């Protein structure tokens, strides 16, 4: 399968671009979202586990990840990648002047693993074609011409 994209006209941001010039840029669009239940169902179909068992294991994984990340551990998910917590801080003139209120908000850093690196490397793209209905009233607005055609 390919990633779907459509073209969007935007200002030309190159250094040597003429004022007011525009270029077409590709914008990747997801057509569906896989729900947690659907994901668990798809996993269950590929194993001997029931959907409830899969949900239980994933919820357990999330619980352990939360616990371990809060403790500052790196969570290694094999081919999926690694998760870790990081946080920077504001500076203090001396060690004695430093306190934890100087920390910025913590964030979670994700580094993709080999499986996702391979997926990115092998990505293919397919343009979404708008559907144009000759019988539609084309007096502006968001009519059928704005909807992508999925082949």
C-alpha atoms as a PDB file:
ATOM      1  CA  UNK A   1       0.000   0.000   0.000  1.00  0.00           C
ATOM      2  CA  UNK A   2       1.011   3.576  -0.493  1.00  0.00           C
ATOM      3  CA  UNK A   3       0.711   6.718   1.598  1.00  0.00           C
ATOM      4  CA  UNK A   4      -1.969   9.012   0.194  1.00  0.00           C
ATOM      5  CA  UNK A   5      -1.182  12.653  -0.463  1.00  0.00           C
ATOM      6  CA  UNK A   6      -2.699  15.725  -2.024  1.00  0.00           C
ATOM      7  CA  UNK A   7      -1.053  18.885  -3.291  1.00  0.00           C
ATOM      8  CA  UNK A   8      -1.364  22.192  -1.443  1.00  0.00           C
ATOM      9  CA  UNK A   9      -0.298  25.583  -2.802  1.00  0.00           C
ATOM     10  CA  UNK A  10       1.799  27.460  -0.245  1.00  0.00           C
ATOM     11  CA  UNK A  11       4.225  30.384  -0.203  1.00  0.00           C
ATOM     12  CA  UNK A  12       7.674  29.612  -1.603  1.00  0.00           C
ATOM     13  CA  UNK A  13       9.921  29.651   1.481  1.00  0.00           C
ATOM     14  CA  UNK A  14      13.263  29.352  -0.348  1.00  0.00           C
ATOM     15  CA  UNK A  15      15.818  32.097   0.325  1.00  0.00           C
ATOM     16  CA  UNK A  16      15.924  33.263  -3.282  1.00  0.00           C
ATOM     17  CA  UNK A  17      12.148  33.112  -3.884  1.00  0.00           C
ATOM     18  CA  UNK A  18      10.396  36.086  -5.425  1.00  0.00           C
ATOM     19  CA  UNK A  19       7.945  37.917  -3.173  1.00  0.00           C
ATOM     20  CA  UNK A  20       4.484  36.379  -3.401  1.00  0.00           C
ATOM     21  CA  UNK A  21       5.623  33.285  -5.286  1.00  0.00           C
ATOM     22  CA  UNK A  22       3.990  29.977  -4.445  1.00  0.00           C
ATOM     23  CA  UNK A  23       4.811  26.311  -4.925  1.00  0.00           C
ATOM     24  CA  UNK A  24       2.825  23.097  -4.661  1.00  0.00           C
ATOM     25  CA  UNK A  25       3.767  20.891  -1.718  1.00  0.00           C
ATOM     26  CA  UNK A  26       2.644  17.359  -0.982  1.00  0.00           C
ATOM     27  CA  UNK A  27       0.688  16.760   2.203  1.00  0.00           C
ATOM     28  CA  UNK A  28       0.275  13.143   3.345  1.00  0.00           C
ATOM     29  CA  UNK A  29      -3.256  12.322   4.476  1.00  0.00           C
ATOM     30  CA  UNK A  30      -4.447   9.417   6.561  1.00  0.00           C
ATOM     31  CA  UNK A  31      -7.768   8.057   5.380  1.00  0.00           C
ATOM     32  CA  UNK A  32      -8.598   5.908   8.413  1.00  0.00           C
ATOM     33  CA  UNK A  33      -7.842   5.631  12.100  1.00  0.00           C
ATOM     34  CA  UNK A  34      -7.530   2.167  13.622  1.00  0.00           C
ATOM     35  CA  UNK A  35      -9.310   2.098  16.999  1.00  0.00           C
ATOM     36  CA  UNK A  36      -7.833   0.316  20.023  1.00  0.00           C
ATOM     37  CA  UNK A  37     -10.541  -2.348  19.758  1.00  0.00           C
ATOM     38  CA  UNK A  38      -9.879  -2.918  16.045  1.00  0.00           C
ATOM     39  CA  UNK A  39      -6.127  -3.087  16.684  1.00  0.00           C
ATOM     40  CA  UNK A  40      -6.658  -5.702  19.391  1.00  0.00           C
ATOM     41  CA  UNK A  41      -9.005  -7.640  17.124  1.00  0.00           C
ATOM     42  CA  UNK A  42      -6.432  -7.634  14.321  1.00  0.00           C
ATOM     43  CA  UNK A  43      -3.739  -8.886  16.719  1.00  0.00           C
ATOM     44  CA  UNK A  44      -6.074 -11.603  18.048  1.00  0.00           C
ATOM     45  CA  UNK A  45      -6.723 -12.835  14.507  1.00  0.00           C
ATOM     46  CA  UNK A  46      -2.968 -13.352  14.060  1.00  0.00           C
ATOM     47  CA  UNK A  47      -2.553 -15.367  17.242  1.00  0.00           C
ATOM     48  CA  UNK A  48      -4.243 -17.931  19.451  1.00  0.00           C
ATOM     49  CA  UNK A  49      -5.249 -15.228  21.949  1.00  0.00           C
ATOM     50  CA  UNK A  50      -8.764 -13.866  22.301  1.00  0.00           C
ATOM     51  CA  UNK A  51      -9.398 -10.133  21.850  1.00  0.00           C
ATOM     52  CA  UNK A  52      -9.910  -9.712  25.615  1.00  0.00           C
ATOM     53  CA  UNK A  53      -6.525 -11.326  26.280  1.00  0.00           C
ATOM     54  CA  UNK A  54      -4.829  -8.985  23.797  1.00  0.00           C
ATOM     55  CA  UNK A  55      -6.504  -5.946  25.395  1.00  0.00           C
ATOM     56  CA  UNK A  56      -5.402  -7.116  28.828  1.00  0.00           C
ATOM     57  CA  UNK A  57      -1.775  -7.547  27.725  1.00  0.00           C
ATOM     58  CA  UNK A  58      -1.632  -4.157  25.965  1.00  0.00           C
ATOM     59  CA  UNK A  59      -3.185  -2.390  28.963  1.00  0.00           C
ATOM     60  CA  UNK A  60      -0.618  -4.175  31.157  1.00  0.00           C
ATOM     61  CA  UNK A  61       2.174  -3.010  28.847  1.00  0.00           C
ATOM     62  CA  UNK A  62       0.962   0.586  29.065  1.00  0.00           C
ATOM     63  CA  UNK A  63       0.747   0.386  32.846  1.00  0.00           C
ATOM     64  CA  UNK A  64       4.309  -0.970  33.145  1.00  0.00           C
ATOM     65  CA  UNK A  65       5.579   1.639  30.660  1.00  0.00           C
ATOM     66  CA  UNK A  66       4.046   4.436  32.727  1.00  0.00           C
ATOM     67  CA  UNK A  67       5.570   3.064  35.932  1.00  0.00           C
ATOM     68  CA  UNK A  68       9.042   2.571  34.441  1.00  0.00           C
ATOM     69  CA  UNK A  69       9.118   5.918  32.597  1.00  0.00           C
ATOM     70  CA  UNK A  70       8.149   7.696  35.820  1.00  0.00           C
ATOM     71  CA  UNK A  71      11.175   5.983  37.426  1.00  0.00           C
ATOM     72  CA  UNK A  72      13.458   7.271  34.646  1.00  0.00           C
ATOM     73  CA  UNK A  73      14.037   3.932  32.910  1.00  0.00           C
ATOM     74  CA  UNK A  74      14.425   3.511  29.163  1.00  0.00           C
ATOM     75  CA  UNK A  75      11.737   1.232  27.757  1.00  0.00           C
ATOM     76  CA  UNK A  76      13.075  -0.928  24.932  1.00  0.00           C
ATOM     77  CA  UNK A  77      10.404  -2.315  22.629  1.00  0.00           C
ATOM     78  CA  UNK A  78      12.754  -4.270  20.361  1.00  0.00           C
ATOM     79  CA  UNK A  79      12.112  -3.586  16.658  1.00  0.00           C
ATOM     80  CA  UNK A  80       9.515  -0.937  17.611  1.00  0.00           C
ATOM     81  CA  UNK A  81      12.091   1.302  19.320  1.00  0.00           C
ATOM     82  CA  UNK A  82      12.802   2.952  22.681  1.00  0.00           C
ATOM     83  CA  UNK A  83      10.967   5.400  24.945  1.00  0.00           C
ATOM     84  CA  UNK A  84      12.611   7.581  27.608  1.00  0.00           C
ATOM     85  CA  UNK A  85      11.846  10.675  29.690  1.00  0.00           C
ATOM     86  CA  UNK A  86      13.949  13.816  29.304  1.00  0.00           C
ATOM     87  CA  UNK A  87      13.794  17.311  30.766  1.00  0.00           C
ATOM     88  CA  UNK A  88      16.005  20.345  30.547  1.00  0.00           C
ATOM     89  CA  UNK A  89      16.225  23.143  33.044  1.00  0.00           C
ATOM     90  CA  UNK A  90      16.887  26.841  33.442  1.00  0.00           C
ATOM     91  CA  UNK A  91      20.372  27.700  34.647  1.00  0.00           C
ATOM     92  CA  UNK A  92      21.490  28.691  38.149  1.00  0.00           C
ATOM     93  CA  UNK A  93      24.565  30.742  39.058  1.00  0.00           C
ATOM     94  CA  UNK A  94      25.735  28.205  41.653  1.00  0.00           C
ATOM     95  CA  UNK A  95      24.949  24.630  42.618  1.00  0.00           C
ATOM     96  CA  UNK A  96      23.314  25.903  45.807  1.00  0.00           C
ATOM     97  CA  UNK A  97      20.984  28.162  43.789  1.00  0.00           C
ATOM     98  CA  UNK A  98      19.632  25.228  41.763  1.00  0.00           C
ATOM     99  CA  UNK A  99      16.311  23.647  42.730  1.00  0.00           C
ATOM    100  CA  UNK A 100      13.793  21.444  40.961  1.00  0.00           C
ATOM    101  CA  UNK A 101      11.499  24.389  40.152  1.00  0.00           C
ATOM    102  CA  UNK A 102      14.037  25.307  37.445  1.00  0.00           C
ATOM    103  CA  UNK A 103      13.155  22.201  35.421  1.00  0.00           C
ATOM    104  CA  UNK A 104      11.206  22.642  32.190  1.00  0.00           C
ATOM    105  CA  UNK A 105       8.289  20.298  31.511  1.00  0.00           C
ATOM    106  CA  UNK A 106       9.401  16.701  31.095  1.00  0.00           C
ATOM    107  CA  UNK A 107       8.724  15.039  27.776  1.00  0.00           C
ATOM    108  CA  UNK A 108       8.881  11.549  26.365  1.00  0.00           C
ATOM    109  CA  UNK A 109      11.375  10.884  23.588  1.00  0.00           C
ATOM    110  CA  UNK A 110      10.684   8.057  21.191  1.00  0.00           C
ATOM    111  CA  UNK A 111      13.435   6.665  18.946  1.00  0.00           C
ATOM    112  CA  UNK A 112      12.088   4.358  16.270  1.00  0.00           C
ATOM    113  CA  UNK A 113      13.549   0.891  15.878  1.00  0.00           C
ATOM    114  CA  UNK A 114      14.556  -1.166  12.875  1.00  0.00           C
ATOM    115  CA  UNK A 115      11.023  -2.176  11.855  1.00  0.00           C
ATOM    116  CA  UNK A 116       9.814   1.424  11.612  1.00  0.00           C
ATOM    117  CA  UNK A 117      13.056   2.542   9.959  1.00  0.00           C
ATOM    118  CA  UNK A 118      12.431  -0.061   7.242  1.00  0.00           C
ATOM    119  CA  UNK A 119       8.819   1.107   6.836  1.00  0.00           C
ATOM    120  CA  UNK A 120       9.987   4.728   6.421  1.00  0.00           C
ATOM    121  CA  UNK A 121      12.739   3.746   3.995  1.00  0.00           C
ATOM    122  CA  UNK A 122      10.325   1.766   1.795  1.00  0.00           C
ATOM    123  CA  UNK A 123       7.451   4.296   1.807  1.00  0.00           C
ATOM    124  CA  UNK A 124       5.539   4.673  -1.451  1.00  0.00           C
ATOM    125  CA  UNK A 125       3.184   7.522  -2.323  1.00  0.00           C
ATOM    126  CA  UNK A 126      -0.065   7.802  -4.262  1.00  0.00           C
ATOM    127  CA  UNK A 127      -1.888  11.034  -5.110  1.00  0.00           C
ATOM    128  CA  UNK A 128      -5.506  11.411  -3.994  1.00  0.00           C
ATOM    129  CA  UNK A 129      -7.603  12.490  -6.968  1.00  0.00           C
ATOM    130  CA  UNK A 130     -10.626  14.708  -6.274  1.00  0.00           C
ATOM    131  CA  UNK A 131     -13.991  13.344  -7.385  1.00  0.00           C
ATOM    132  CA  UNK A 132     -15.791  15.744  -9.702  1.00  0.00           C
ATOM    133  CA  UNK A 133     -19.528  15.134 -10.148  1.00  0.00           C
ATOM    134  CA  UNK A 134     -20.746  16.851 -13.364  1.00  0.00           C
ATOM    135  CA  UNK A 135     -24.331  16.877 -12.000  1.00  0.00           C
ATOM    136  CA  UNK A 136     -23.368  18.589  -8.726  1.00  0.00           C
ATOM    137  CA  UNK A 137     -24.210  22.231  -8.090  1.00  0.00           C
ATOM    138  CA  UNK A 138     -20.714  23.786  -8.147  1.00  0.00           C
ATOM    139  CA  UNK A 139     -21.543  27.129  -6.554  1.00  0.00           C
ATOM    140  CA  UNK A 140     -18.588  27.028  -4.141  1.00  0.00           C
ATOM    141  CA  UNK A 141     -18.446  25.490  -0.722  1.00  0.00           C
ATOM    142  CA  UNK A 142     -17.242  22.038   0.143  1.00  0.00           C
ATOM    143  CA  UNK A 143     -18.969  19.920  -2.446  1.00  0.00           C
ATOM    144  CA  UNK A 144     -17.944  16.594  -3.885  1.00  0.00           C
ATOM    145  CA  UNK A 145     -14.983  18.158  -5.709  1.00  0.00           C
ATOM    146  CA  UNK A 146     -13.223  18.440  -2.344  1.00  0.00           C
ATOM    147  CA  UNK A 147     -13.479  14.724  -1.600  1.00  0.00           C
ATOM    148  CA  UNK A 148     -10.579  12.441  -2.550  1.00  0.00           C
ATOM    149  CA  UNK A 149     -11.134   9.482  -4.815  1.00  0.00           C
ATOM    150  CA  UNK A 150      -9.839   6.279  -3.278  1.00  0.00           C
ATOM    151  CA  UNK A 151      -8.816   3.682  -5.818  1.00  0.00           C
END
